[in-house]
Amino acid sequence: MNDKLLKEITPLTQSDCFTLFSRVKDKFDFPLHYHEEYELNFIMNGQGARRVIGDHMEEIEELELVLVGPNLQHAWFTHKCTSREIKEVTIQFHKDLFDEKLLKRNQLSFLRSMLERSSRGILFSKETTRQLANRLLNLNQKHGFDSVLELFSILHDLSTSREIRLLSDPSFHAPETLSFNSRRIELTYEYINQNFHKPITLGEVAKLANMTEVSFSRFFKQRTGITFIDSLTDIRLGHASRMLIDTTHSISEIAYQCGFNNISNFNRIFKKKKGCTPKEFRETFSGKRIFI
């Protein structure tokens, strides 16, 4: 299973509160994967499909709602599902959407607890899922601040719901559990996100961090778990993924606008990192996706 584990680079940017993707489909075809964002996944008419969360696996019923924590591997597979009209609503939001200090307030204690437990994956009860189904299906009808308030309200209601199930074993570790708290790393990411469309060298960011290239490379890898080059590539792919969904630009235009020096290199890296070609990715996300 881990041999096919894919790190998903979501198109969610730091300027977004969350992204919502809703569609009707006849199969589950996204591979086992993980990402840094929280994910709330609602499925209707999916009876017989197989859910994998961490080290937990089981067939799902007709209706289900699951909250997946950051970097926890997960996927749904068609398995025995024969429905031709599977409805799915996927909501992804950043780990820092809720500030740590805010979550320490008494009024948000239930929400804090739920987010912490989502590291194992949370399956909500049938009753809770039925109660929230219409709100989840209609969330894409709301706009701007109203949609953010509605998402917060949904998450609060989930945090106070009863009869939840934690899915993955507590001894199971997510693929990436490193946490970094460094102004130098923050400055590096800010710089990359502002200049990803331009050539960026290790020397530039090392100078920004006031370190030598060798020292910065070692420091960056220790704090983030990946190399600076891999991180730069991931950020560029994230912006490219967003453009593949949001725009009608050609794939070659997107490649060059996201800092890749040629289309062949872009296609090769994209498929290696995301498990599909840019064209296949665009076709897969041809449903209705909204960024708030």
C-alpha atoms as a PDB file:
ATOM      1  CA  MET A   1       0.000   0.000   0.000  1.00  0.00           C
ATOM      2  CA  ASN A   2       2.722   2.493   0.951  1.00  0.00           C
ATOM      3  CA  ASP A   3       4.506   1.818  -2.352  1.00  0.00           C
ATOM      4  CA  LYS A   4       1.663   3.670  -4.074  1.00  0.00           C
ATOM      5  CA  LEU A   5       1.304   6.425  -1.506  1.00  0.00           C
ATOM      6  CA  LEU A   6       1.080   9.836  -3.148  1.00  0.00           C
ATOM      7  CA  LYS A   7       1.701  13.223  -1.569  1.00  0.00           C
ATOM      8  CA  GLU A   8      -1.044  15.450  -2.959  1.00  0.00           C
ATOM      9  CA  ILE A   9      -0.100  19.045  -3.625  1.00  0.00           C
ATOM     10  CA  THR A  10      -3.450  20.760  -3.274  1.00  0.00           C
ATOM     11  CA  PRO A  11      -4.289  23.949  -5.203  1.00  0.00           C
ATOM     12  CA  LEU A  12      -5.188  25.696  -1.950  1.00  0.00           C
ATOM     13  CA  THR A  13      -3.066  28.830  -1.462  1.00  0.00           C
ATOM     14  CA  GLN A  14      -2.310  30.912   1.630  1.00  0.00           C
ATOM     15  CA  SER A  15      -4.797  33.497   0.382  1.00  0.00           C
ATOM     16  CA  ASP A  16      -7.677  31.007   0.613  1.00  0.00           C
ATOM     17  CA  CYS A  17      -9.674  30.050   3.699  1.00  0.00           C
ATOM     18  CA  PHE A  18     -10.780  26.769   2.174  1.00  0.00           C
ATOM     19  CA  THR A  19     -11.556  25.021  -1.071  1.00  0.00           C
ATOM     20  CA  LEU A  20     -14.725  23.092  -1.821  1.00  0.00           C
ATOM     21  CA  PHE A  21     -15.014  20.514  -4.594  1.00  0.00           C
ATOM     22  CA  SER A  22     -18.397  18.951  -5.363  1.00  0.00           C
ATOM     23  CA  ARG A  23     -19.189  16.525  -8.135  1.00  0.00           C
ATOM     24  CA  VAL A  24     -21.273  13.548  -9.212  1.00  0.00           C
ATOM     25  CA  LYS A  25     -19.277  10.563 -10.452  1.00  0.00           C
ATOM     26  CA  ASP A  26     -19.552   6.834 -11.136  1.00  0.00           C
ATOM     27  CA  LYS A  27     -16.298   5.604  -9.548  1.00  0.00           C
ATOM     28  CA  PHE A  28     -13.502   6.439  -7.122  1.00  0.00           C
ATOM     29  CA  ASP A  29     -10.227   6.765  -8.992  1.00  0.00           C
ATOM     30  CA  PHE A  30      -7.894   8.911  -6.854  1.00  0.00           C
ATOM     31  CA  PRO A  31      -4.991   6.884  -5.385  1.00  0.00           C
ATOM     32  CA  LEU A  32      -3.990   6.529  -1.751  1.00  0.00           C
ATOM     33  CA  HIS A  33      -2.584   9.915  -0.778  1.00  0.00           C
ATOM     34  CA  TYR A  34      -1.941  12.486   1.951  1.00  0.00           C
ATOM     35  CA  HIS A  35      -1.579  16.256   2.163  1.00  0.00           C
ATOM     36  CA  GLU A  36      -0.858  18.952   4.733  1.00  0.00           C
ATOM     37  CA  GLU A  37      -4.423  20.268   4.844  1.00  0.00           C
ATOM     38  CA  TYR A  38      -7.442  19.065   6.829  1.00  0.00           C
ATOM     39  CA  GLU A  39     -10.078  17.401   4.670  1.00  0.00           C
ATOM     40  CA  LEU A  40     -13.793  16.942   5.336  1.00  0.00           C
ATOM     41  CA  ASN A  41     -15.238  14.420   2.914  1.00  0.00           C
ATOM     42  CA  PHE A  42     -18.981  13.804   2.444  1.00  0.00           C
ATOM     43  CA  ILE A  43     -20.180  10.916   0.263  1.00  0.00           C
ATOM     44  CA  MET A  44     -23.723   9.981  -0.760  1.00  0.00           C
ATOM     45  CA  ASN A  45     -24.716   6.863  -2.744  1.00  0.00           C
ATOM     46  CA  GLY A  46     -21.314   5.257  -2.211  1.00  0.00           C
ATOM     47  CA  GLN A  47     -22.378   2.003  -0.584  1.00  0.00           C
ATOM     48  CA  GLY A  48     -19.858  -0.781  -1.167  1.00  0.00           C
ATOM     49  CA  ALA A  49     -16.876   1.488  -1.771  1.00  0.00           C
ATOM     50  CA  ARG A  50     -13.795   0.850   0.357  1.00  0.00           C
ATOM     51  CA  ARG A  51     -12.405   3.565   2.621  1.00  0.00           C
ATOM     52  CA  VAL A  52      -8.754   3.585   3.691  1.00  0.00           C
ATOM     53  CA  ILE A  53      -7.727   5.940   6.506  1.00  0.00           C
ATOM     54  CA  GLY A  54      -4.256   5.421   7.957  1.00  0.00           C
ATOM     55  CA  ASP A  55      -4.080   1.709   8.746  1.00  0.00           C
ATOM     56  CA  HIS A  56      -7.887   1.304   8.852  1.00  0.00           C
ATOM     57  CA  MET A  57      -9.902  -0.162   5.977  1.00  0.00           C
ATOM     58  CA  GLU A  58     -13.606  -0.986   5.581  1.00  0.00           C
ATOM     59  CA  GLU A  59     -16.561  -0.868   3.193  1.00  0.00           C
ATOM     60  CA  ILE A  60     -18.689   2.248   3.506  1.00  0.00           C
ATOM     61  CA  GLU A  61     -22.451   2.594   3.673  1.00  0.00           C
ATOM     62  CA  GLU A  62     -24.709   4.752   1.536  1.00  0.00           C
ATOM     63  CA  LEU A  63     -23.954   7.935   3.447  1.00  0.00           C
ATOM     64  CA  GLU A  64     -20.776   8.960   5.244  1.00  0.00           C
ATOM     65  CA  LEU A  65     -18.823  11.938   6.542  1.00  0.00           C
ATOM     66  CA  VAL A  66     -15.151  11.764   7.518  1.00  0.00           C
ATOM     67  CA  LEU A  67     -12.655  14.343   8.806  1.00  0.00           C
ATOM     68  CA  VAL A  68      -9.047  13.560   7.893  1.00  0.00           C
ATOM     69  CA  GLY A  69      -6.188  15.302   9.695  1.00  0.00           C
ATOM     70  CA  PRO A  70      -3.019  16.679   8.072  1.00  0.00           C
ATOM     71  CA  ASN A  71      -0.635  14.158   6.502  1.00  0.00           C
ATOM     72  CA  LEU A  72      -2.869  11.164   7.261  1.00  0.00           C
ATOM     73  CA  GLN A  73      -3.004   8.808   4.286  1.00  0.00           C
ATOM     74  CA  HIS A  74      -6.500   8.218   2.922  1.00  0.00           C
ATOM     75  CA  ALA A  75      -8.461   7.164  -0.141  1.00  0.00           C
ATOM     76  CA  TRP A  76     -11.795   5.783  -1.278  1.00  0.00           C
ATOM     77  CA  PHE A  77     -11.838   2.953  -3.814  1.00  0.00           C
ATOM     78  CA  THR A  78     -14.750   1.758  -5.986  1.00  0.00           C
ATOM     79  CA  HIS A  79     -14.451  -1.836  -4.689  1.00  0.00           C
ATOM     80  CA  LYS A  80     -18.059  -3.180  -4.661  1.00  0.00           C
ATOM     81  CA  CYS A  81     -19.814   0.129  -5.285  1.00  0.00           C
ATOM     82  CA  THR A  82     -22.130  -0.075  -8.316  1.00  0.00           C
ATOM     83  CA  SER A  83     -23.759   3.357  -8.044  1.00  0.00           C
ATOM     84  CA  ARG A  84     -23.661   5.463 -11.212  1.00  0.00           C
ATOM     85  CA  GLU A  85     -24.408   8.647  -9.277  1.00  0.00           C
ATOM     86  CA  ILE A  86     -22.009   9.017  -6.370  1.00  0.00           C
ATOM     87  CA  LYS A  87     -22.264  12.478  -4.854  1.00  0.00           C
ATOM     88  CA  GLU A  88     -19.124  13.779  -3.189  1.00  0.00           C
ATOM     89  CA  VAL A  89     -18.296  17.050  -1.440  1.00  0.00           C
ATOM     90  CA  THR A  90     -14.670  17.554  -0.425  1.00  0.00           C
ATOM     91  CA  ILE A  91     -13.627  20.522   1.723  1.00  0.00           C
ATOM     92  CA  GLN A  92      -9.955  21.225   2.396  1.00  0.00           C
ATOM     93  CA  PHE A  93      -8.607  23.890   4.748  1.00  0.00           C
ATOM     94  CA  HIS A  94      -5.190  24.891   6.070  1.00  0.00           C
ATOM     95  CA  LYS A  95      -3.723  23.666   9.343  1.00  0.00           C
ATOM     96  CA  ASP A  96      -3.482  27.302  10.491  1.00  0.00           C
ATOM     97  CA  LEU A  97      -7.019  28.366   9.545  1.00  0.00           C
ATOM     98  CA  PHE A  98      -7.698  28.402  13.279  1.00  0.00           C
ATOM     99  CA  ASP A  99      -4.983  30.202  15.250  1.00  0.00           C
ATOM    100  CA  GLU A 100      -3.531  28.196  18.139  1.00  0.00           C
ATOM    101  CA  LYS A 101      -4.310  30.963  20.626  1.00  0.00           C
ATOM    102  CA  LEU A 102      -7.907  31.112  19.397  1.00  0.00           C
ATOM    103  CA  LEU A 103      -8.328  27.361  19.820  1.00  0.00           C
ATOM    104  CA  LYS A 104      -7.254  27.649  23.468  1.00  0.00           C
ATOM    105  CA  ARG A 105     -10.371  29.701  24.271  1.00  0.00           C
ATOM    106  CA  ASN A 106     -12.976  27.843  26.293  1.00  0.00           C
ATOM    107  CA  GLN A 107     -15.646  28.302  23.655  1.00  0.00           C
ATOM    108  CA  LEU A 108     -13.569  26.415  21.085  1.00  0.00           C
ATOM    109  CA  SER A 109     -12.506  23.516  23.296  1.00  0.00           C
ATOM    110  CA  PHE A 110     -14.694  21.013  21.415  1.00  0.00           C
ATOM    111  CA  LEU A 111     -13.351  22.189  18.060  1.00  0.00           C
ATOM    112  CA  ARG A 112      -9.774  21.952  19.323  1.00  0.00           C
ATOM    113  CA  SER A 113     -10.376  18.418  20.549  1.00  0.00           C
ATOM    114  CA  MET A 114     -11.914  17.366  17.234  1.00  0.00           C
ATOM    115  CA  LEU A 115      -9.026  18.749  15.192  1.00  0.00           C
ATOM    116  CA  GLU A 116      -6.544  16.958  17.428  1.00  0.00           C
ATOM    117  CA  ARG A 117      -8.394  13.626  17.112  1.00  0.00           C
ATOM    118  CA  SER A 118      -8.625  13.986  13.336  1.00  0.00           C
ATOM    119  CA  SER A 119      -5.006  12.823  13.223  1.00  0.00           C
ATOM    120  CA  ARG A 120      -6.549   9.339  13.334  1.00  0.00           C
ATOM    121  CA  GLY A 121      -9.465  10.131  11.021  1.00  0.00           C
ATOM    122  CA  ILE A 122     -12.984  10.717  12.394  1.00  0.00           C
ATOM    123  CA  LEU A 123     -16.103   8.980  11.060  1.00  0.00           C
ATOM    124  CA  PHE A 124     -19.277  10.798  12.115  1.00  0.00           C
ATOM    125  CA  SER A 125     -22.520   9.018  12.914  1.00  0.00           C
ATOM    126  CA  LYS A 126     -25.320   8.457  10.389  1.00  0.00           C
ATOM    127  CA  GLU A 127     -27.550  10.799  12.360  1.00  0.00           C
ATOM    128  CA  THR A 128     -25.001  13.632  12.309  1.00  0.00           C
ATOM    129  CA  THR A 129     -24.286  13.078   8.619  1.00  0.00           C
ATOM    130  CA  ARG A 130     -27.995  13.197   7.713  1.00  0.00           C
ATOM    131  CA  GLN A 131     -28.465  16.364   9.740  1.00  0.00           C
ATOM    132  CA  LEU A 132     -25.625  18.144   7.950  1.00  0.00           C
ATOM    133  CA  ALA A 133     -26.048  16.648   4.460  1.00  0.00           C
ATOM    134  CA  ASN A 134     -28.058  19.507   2.943  1.00  0.00           C
ATOM    135  CA  ARG A 135     -25.785  22.156   4.454  1.00  0.00           C
ATOM    136  CA  LEU A 136     -22.739  20.442   2.968  1.00  0.00           C
ATOM    137  CA  LEU A 137     -24.394  19.995  -0.425  1.00  0.00           C
ATOM    138  CA  ASN A 138     -25.491  23.649  -0.474  1.00  0.00           C
ATOM    139  CA  LEU A 139     -22.292  25.198   0.886  1.00  0.00           C
ATOM    140  CA  ASN A 140     -21.188  26.015  -2.676  1.00  0.00           C
ATOM    141  CA  GLN A 141     -24.220  28.316  -2.976  1.00  0.00           C
ATOM    142  CA  LYS A 142     -22.850  30.650  -0.322  1.00  0.00           C
ATOM    143  CA  HIS A 143     -20.195  33.246  -1.046  1.00  0.00           C
ATOM    144  CA  GLY A 144     -17.440  35.172   0.690  1.00  0.00           C
ATOM    145  CA  PHE A 145     -17.727  35.669   4.429  1.00  0.00           C
ATOM    146  CA  ASP A 146     -21.084  33.870   4.587  1.00  0.00           C
ATOM    147  CA  SER A 147     -19.472  30.685   3.293  1.00  0.00           C
ATOM    148  CA  VAL A 148     -16.659  30.951   5.868  1.00  0.00           C
ATOM    149  CA  LEU A 149     -19.183  31.432   8.686  1.00  0.00           C
ATOM    150  CA  GLU A 150     -21.180  28.441   7.457  1.00  0.00           C
ATOM    151  CA  LEU A 151     -18.095  26.228   7.353  1.00  0.00           C
ATOM    152  CA  PHE A 152     -17.145  27.302  10.889  1.00  0.00           C
ATOM    153  CA  SER A 153     -20.692  26.542  12.007  1.00  0.00           C
ATOM    154  CA  ILE A 154     -20.599  23.094  10.404  1.00  0.00           C
ATOM    155  CA  LEU A 155     -17.267  22.307  12.034  1.00  0.00           C
ATOM    156  CA  HIS A 156     -18.591  23.463  15.402  1.00  0.00           C
ATOM    157  CA  ASP A 157     -21.663  21.249  15.077  1.00  0.00           C
ATOM    158  CA  LEU A 158     -19.436  18.317  14.168  1.00  0.00           C
ATOM    159  CA  SER A 159     -17.217  18.962  17.179  1.00  0.00           C
ATOM    160  CA  THR A 160     -20.208  18.628  19.539  1.00  0.00           C
ATOM    161  CA  SER A 161     -21.743  15.608  17.788  1.00  0.00           C
ATOM    162  CA  ARG A 162     -21.935  12.238  19.489  1.00  0.00           C
ATOM    163  CA  GLU A 163     -21.037   8.691  18.513  1.00  0.00           C
ATOM    164  CA  ILE A 164     -17.940   9.469  16.460  1.00  0.00           C
ATOM    165  CA  ARG A 165     -15.471   6.738  15.524  1.00  0.00           C
ATOM    166  CA  LEU A 166     -11.711   7.177  15.419  1.00  0.00           C
ATOM    167  CA  LEU A 167     -10.493   5.084  12.509  1.00  0.00           C
ATOM    168  CA  SER A 168      -6.730   4.699  12.414  1.00  0.00           C
ATOM    169  CA  ASP A 169      -4.771   3.034  15.192  1.00  0.00           C
ATOM    170  CA  PRO A 170      -3.048   5.520  17.555  1.00  0.00           C
ATOM    171  CA  SER A 171       0.292   3.821  16.918  1.00  0.00           C
ATOM    172  CA  PHE A 172       0.046   4.584  13.205  1.00  0.00           C
ATOM    173  CA  HIS A 173       2.179   7.570  12.222  1.00  0.00           C
ATOM    174  CA  ALA A 174       1.395   9.962   9.390  1.00  0.00           C
ATOM    175  CA  PRO A 175       4.002  10.101   6.581  1.00  0.00           C
ATOM    176  CA  GLU A 176       5.088  13.581   7.665  1.00  0.00           C
ATOM    177  CA  THR A 177       4.793  14.755  11.244  1.00  0.00           C
ATOM    178  CA  LEU A 178       7.524  17.369  11.322  1.00  0.00           C
ATOM    179  CA  SER A 179       6.554  20.752  12.654  1.00  0.00           C
ATOM    180  CA  PHE A 180       8.704  23.808  12.081  1.00  0.00           C
ATOM    181  CA  ASN A 181       8.518  27.089  13.903  1.00  0.00           C
ATOM    182  CA  SER A 182      11.135  29.342  12.361  1.00  0.00           C
ATOM    183  CA  ARG A 183      11.005  32.874  11.038  1.00  0.00           C
ATOM    184  CA  ARG A 184      13.698  31.953   8.509  1.00  0.00           C
ATOM    185  CA  ILE A 185      11.545  29.164   7.103  1.00  0.00           C
ATOM    186  CA  GLU A 186       8.499  31.433   7.031  1.00  0.00           C
ATOM    187  CA  LEU A 187      10.474  34.105   5.144  1.00  0.00           C
ATOM    188  CA  THR A 188      11.670  31.466   2.691  1.00  0.00           C
ATOM    189  CA  TYR A 189       8.143  30.280   1.949  1.00  0.00           C
ATOM    190  CA  GLU A 190       6.886  33.848   1.623  1.00  0.00           C
ATOM    191  CA  TYR A 191       9.663  34.611  -0.853  1.00  0.00           C
ATOM    192  CA  ILE A 192       8.999  31.475  -2.903  1.00  0.00           C
ATOM    193  CA  ASN A 193       5.248  32.120  -3.062  1.00  0.00           C
ATOM    194  CA  GLN A 194       5.860  35.674  -4.249  1.00  0.00           C
ATOM    195  CA  ASN A 195       8.482  34.720  -6.836  1.00  0.00           C
ATOM    196  CA  PHE A 196       7.664  31.141  -7.885  1.00  0.00           C
ATOM    197  CA  HIS A 197       7.196  32.260 -11.495  1.00  0.00           C
ATOM    198  CA  LYS A 198      10.826  33.447 -11.666  1.00  0.00           C
ATOM    199  CA  PRO A 199      14.114  31.532 -11.481  1.00  0.00           C
ATOM    200  CA  ILE A 200      14.996  31.127  -7.782  1.00  0.00           C
ATOM    201  CA  THR A 201      18.427  30.003  -6.631  1.00  0.00           C
ATOM    202  CA  LEU A 202      19.586  28.467  -3.381  1.00  0.00           C
ATOM    203  CA  GLY A 203      21.956  31.430  -3.000  1.00  0.00           C
ATOM    204  CA  GLU A 204      19.066  33.910  -3.022  1.00  0.00           C
ATOM    205  CA  VAL A 205      17.122  32.269  -0.223  1.00  0.00           C
ATOM    206  CA  ALA A 206      20.273  31.487   1.783  1.00  0.00           C
ATOM    207  CA  LYS A 207      21.149  35.193   1.664  1.00  0.00           C
ATOM    208  CA  LEU A 208      17.593  36.032   2.728  1.00  0.00           C
ATOM    209  CA  ALA A 209      18.057  33.768   5.766  1.00  0.00           C
ATOM    210  CA  ASN A 210      21.519  35.249   6.390  1.00  0.00           C
ATOM    211  CA  MET A 211      23.175  31.842   6.094  1.00  0.00           C
ATOM    212  CA  THR A 212      25.641  30.133   3.792  1.00  0.00           C
ATOM    213  CA  GLU A 213      24.175  27.853   1.133  1.00  0.00           C
ATOM    214  CA  VAL A 214      25.473  24.705   2.814  1.00  0.00           C
ATOM    215  CA  SER A 215      24.196  25.726   6.238  1.00  0.00           C
ATOM    216  CA  PHE A 216      20.839  26.804   4.873  1.00  0.00           C
ATOM    217  CA  SER A 217      20.359  23.529   2.947  1.00  0.00           C
ATOM    218  CA  ARG A 218      21.018  21.525   6.105  1.00  0.00           C
ATOM    219  CA  PHE A 219      18.823  23.819   8.223  1.00  0.00           C
ATOM    220  CA  PHE A 220      15.919  23.710   5.758  1.00  0.00           C
ATOM    221  CA  LYS A 221      15.983  19.908   5.485  1.00  0.00           C
ATOM    222  CA  GLN A 222      16.105  19.506   9.274  1.00  0.00           C
ATOM    223  CA  ARG A 223      13.164  21.857   9.831  1.00  0.00           C
ATOM    224  CA  THR A 224      10.874  20.791   6.972  1.00  0.00           C
ATOM    225  CA  GLY A 225      11.885  17.207   6.222  1.00  0.00           C
ATOM    226  CA  ILE A 226      12.432  17.920   2.523  1.00  0.00           C
ATOM    227  CA  THR A 227      15.083  19.703   0.486  1.00  0.00           C
ATOM    228  CA  PHE A 228      14.763  23.314  -0.611  1.00  0.00           C
ATOM    229  CA  ILE A 229      14.526  22.233  -4.279  1.00  0.00           C
ATOM    230  CA  ASP A 230      11.725  19.755  -3.515  1.00  0.00           C
ATOM    231  CA  SER A 231       9.855  22.432  -1.575  1.00  0.00           C
ATOM    232  CA  LEU A 232      10.238  24.931  -4.436  1.00  0.00           C
ATOM    233  CA  THR A 233       8.935  22.317  -6.865  1.00  0.00           C
ATOM    234  CA  ASP A 234       5.965  21.489  -4.619  1.00  0.00           C
ATOM    235  CA  ILE A 235       4.955  25.146  -4.369  1.00  0.00           C
ATOM    236  CA  ARG A 236       5.220  25.624  -8.134  1.00  0.00           C
ATOM    237  CA  LEU A 237       3.132  22.501  -8.703  1.00  0.00           C
ATOM    238  CA  GLY A 238       0.550  23.782  -6.223  1.00  0.00           C
ATOM    239  CA  HIS A 239       0.158  27.008  -8.204  1.00  0.00           C
ATOM    240  CA  ALA A 240       0.093  25.050 -11.460  1.00  0.00           C
ATOM    241  CA  SER A 241      -2.639  22.769 -10.092  1.00  0.00           C
ATOM    242  CA  ARG A 242      -4.690  25.813  -9.143  1.00  0.00           C
ATOM    243  CA  MET A 243      -4.328  27.272 -12.641  1.00  0.00           C
ATOM    244  CA  LEU A 244      -5.282  23.962 -14.266  1.00  0.00           C
ATOM    245  CA  ILE A 245      -8.555  24.103 -12.348  1.00  0.00           C
ATOM    246  CA  ASP A 246      -9.198  27.848 -12.355  1.00  0.00           C
ATOM    247  CA  THR A 247      -8.166  28.876 -15.871  1.00  0.00           C
ATOM    248  CA  THR A 248      -8.402  27.813 -19.498  1.00  0.00           C
ATOM    249  CA  HIS A 249      -4.719  28.556 -20.141  1.00  0.00           C
ATOM    250  CA  SER A 250      -2.875  25.913 -22.114  1.00  0.00           C
ATOM    251  CA  ILE A 251      -0.708  23.493 -20.174  1.00  0.00           C
ATOM    252  CA  SER A 252       2.444  24.986 -21.701  1.00  0.00           C
ATOM    253  CA  GLU A 253       1.391  28.510 -20.655  1.00  0.00           C
ATOM    254  CA  ILE A 254       0.807  27.309 -17.111  1.00  0.00           C
ATOM    255  CA  ALA A 255       4.160  25.516 -17.026  1.00  0.00           C
ATOM    256  CA  TYR A 256       6.105  28.646 -17.961  1.00  0.00           C
ATOM    257  CA  GLN A 257       4.026  30.930 -15.714  1.00  0.00           C
ATOM    258  CA  CYS A 258       4.822  28.660 -12.754  1.00  0.00           C
ATOM    259  CA  GLY A 259       8.578  28.718 -13.251  1.00  0.00           C
ATOM    260  CA  PHE A 260       9.193  25.510 -15.204  1.00  0.00           C
ATOM    261  CA  ASN A 261      11.721  26.000 -17.974  1.00  0.00           C
ATOM    262  CA  ASN A 262      10.124  23.623 -20.488  1.00  0.00           C
ATOM    263  CA  ILE A 263       6.906  21.692 -20.989  1.00  0.00           C
ATOM    264  CA  SER A 264       8.554  18.258 -21.029  1.00  0.00           C
ATOM    265  CA  ASN A 265      10.162  18.875 -17.652  1.00  0.00           C
ATOM    266  CA  PHE A 266       6.848  20.127 -16.272  1.00  0.00           C
ATOM    267  CA  ASN A 267       4.922  17.085 -17.513  1.00  0.00           C
ATOM    268  CA  ARG A 268       7.531  14.679 -16.143  1.00  0.00           C
ATOM    269  CA  ILE A 269       7.684  16.275 -12.684  1.00  0.00           C
ATOM    270  CA  PHE A 270       3.910  16.715 -12.471  1.00  0.00           C
ATOM    271  CA  LYS A 271       3.265  13.032 -13.222  1.00  0.00           C
ATOM    272  CA  LYS A 272       5.976  11.895 -10.815  1.00  0.00           C
ATOM    273  CA  LYS A 273       4.643  14.030  -7.971  1.00  0.00           C
ATOM    274  CA  LYS A 274       0.899  13.747  -8.536  1.00  0.00           C
ATOM    275  CA  GLY A 275       0.550  10.364 -10.238  1.00  0.00           C
ATOM    276  CA  CYS A 276      -1.133  11.742 -13.357  1.00  0.00           C
ATOM    277  CA  THR A 277      -0.415  14.111 -16.234  1.00  0.00           C
ATOM    278  CA  PRO A 278      -1.514  17.775 -16.114  1.00  0.00           C
ATOM    279  CA  LYS A 279      -4.167  16.952 -18.721  1.00  0.00           C
ATOM    280  CA  GLU A 280      -5.514  14.055 -16.661  1.00  0.00           C
ATOM    281  CA  PHE A 281      -5.503  16.240 -13.548  1.00  0.00           C
ATOM    282  CA  ARG A 282      -7.530  18.938 -15.305  1.00  0.00           C
ATOM    283  CA  GLU A 283     -10.038  16.343 -16.535  1.00  0.00           C
ATOM    284  CA  THR A 284     -10.321  14.768 -13.073  1.00  0.00           C
ATOM    285  CA  PHE A 285     -11.168  18.111 -11.481  1.00  0.00           C
ATOM    286  CA  SER A 286     -13.672  19.086 -14.133  1.00  0.00           C
ATOM    287  CA  GLY A 287     -16.413  19.206 -11.488  1.00  0.00           C
ATOM    288  CA  LYS A 288     -17.380  22.302  -9.556  1.00  0.00           C
ATOM    289  CA  ARG A 289     -14.544  23.570  -7.371  1.00  0.00           C
ATOM    290  CA  ILE A 290     -14.747  26.770  -5.346  1.00  0.00           C
ATOM    291  CA  PHE A 291     -11.989  28.656  -3.511  1.00  0.00           C
ATOM    292  CA  ILE A 292     -12.959  30.916  -0.604  1.00  0.00           C
END
